[in-house]
Amino acid sequence: MAQSFADVPYKGMLRDEIITLKWRKSTRSIGNGQCVEAASLTDGRLVMRDSMNTCGPIILVTQWGWQTFVKGIKDGEFDSV
């Protein structure tokens, strides 16, 4: 019997779990298509995705990785990107 799309693990999560996550976008988002959405997992990790490609790849990060990313944004590390 074939597996359904929802039963195929992706980065240790089932696709149904990814779909039902509560995704958040920055309140400073200006709708220019360059936004990232983030969602928290129950184990403390976070996932990020392109808000314009919600069915595309996701990035799985630890809490430390997320805090480092946010600090880099606040410090202007990505301003030239």
Protein backbone atom coordinates (compact mmCIF):
# COMPACT_ATOMS: atom_id res chain seq x y z
CA MET A 1 0.00 0.00 0.00
CA ALA A 2 1.39 3.41 -0.96
CA GLN A 3 2.05 6.07 1.64
CA SER A 4 0.03 9.24 1.45
CA PHE A 5 1.84 12.54 1.05
CA ALA A 6 0.95 13.40 4.67
CA ASP A 7 2.71 10.27 5.98
CA VAL A 8 6.11 11.05 4.45
CA PRO A 9 8.48 12.50 7.09
CA TYR A 10 10.20 15.80 6.34
CA LYS A 11 13.00 16.85 8.71
CA GLY A 12 11.51 14.49 11.30
CA MET A 13 7.98 15.90 11.03
CA LEU A 14 4.94 14.69 9.16
CA ARG A 15 3.67 17.02 6.49
CA ASP A 16 0.31 17.33 8.28
CA GLU A 17 2.19 18.69 11.30
CA ILE A 18 3.91 21.31 9.13
CA ILE A 19 0.60 22.39 7.61
CA THR A 20 -1.09 22.84 10.99
CA LEU A 21 1.71 24.91 12.55
CA LYS A 22 0.87 28.47 13.58
CA TRP A 23 3.11 30.46 11.22
CA ARG A 24 4.04 34.04 12.19
CA LYS A 25 5.31 36.85 10.00
CA SER A 26 7.02 39.98 11.27
CA THR A 27 4.74 42.89 12.08
CA ARG A 28 7.27 44.99 10.16
CA SER A 29 6.65 43.04 6.98
CA ILE A 30 5.79 45.42 4.16
CA GLY A 31 4.51 42.89 1.65
CA ASN A 32 7.39 43.21 -0.81
CA GLY A 33 7.74 39.44 -1.20
CA GLN A 34 10.91 39.19 0.89
CA CYS A 35 9.35 37.90 4.09
CA VAL A 36 10.13 34.92 6.28
CA GLU A 37 7.55 33.14 8.39
CA ALA A 38 8.42 31.20 11.54
CA ALA A 39 6.64 28.60 13.66
CA SER A 40 7.50 26.95 16.97
CA LEU A 41 7.61 23.20 17.42
CA THR A 42 6.61 21.50 20.65
CA ASP A 43 10.21 20.42 21.33
CA GLY A 44 11.51 24.03 21.30
CA ARG A 45 12.93 24.03 17.78
CA LEU A 46 11.66 26.46 15.16
CA VAL A 47 10.99 26.24 11.46
CA MET A 48 11.24 29.04 8.92
CA ARG A 49 9.90 29.32 5.39
CA ASP A 50 9.51 31.80 2.57
CA SER A 51 6.12 33.47 2.98
CA MET A 52 5.68 33.60 -0.81
CA ASN A 53 6.43 29.87 -1.20
CA THR A 54 4.55 28.24 1.69
CA CYS A 55 4.72 24.79 0.08
CA GLY A 56 8.45 25.08 -0.52
CA PRO A 57 11.36 24.04 1.67
CA ILE A 58 11.58 24.84 5.36
CA ILE A 59 14.60 25.49 7.54
CA LEU A 60 14.68 23.73 10.90
CA VAL A 61 16.67 25.54 13.62
CA THR A 62 17.38 25.17 17.31
CA GLN A 63 16.34 27.81 19.81
CA TRP A 64 19.97 28.99 19.92
CA GLY A 65 20.10 29.20 16.13
CA TRP A 66 16.92 31.28 16.07
CA GLN A 67 18.19 33.67 18.76
CA THR A 68 21.45 34.10 16.85
CA PHE A 69 19.51 34.79 13.62
CA VAL A 70 17.29 37.41 15.30
CA LYS A 71 20.34 39.06 16.91
CA GLY A 72 22.00 39.24 13.49
CA ILE A 73 18.93 40.97 12.07
CA LYS A 74 18.85 43.48 14.91
CA ASP A 75 22.60 44.11 14.57
CA GLY A 76 22.26 44.79 10.83
CA GLU A 77 24.30 41.77 9.73
CA PHE A 78 21.95 41.11 6.81
CA ASP A 79 21.31 44.69 5.67
CA SER A 80 23.47 44.30 2.58
CA VAL A 81 21.99 40.94 1.56
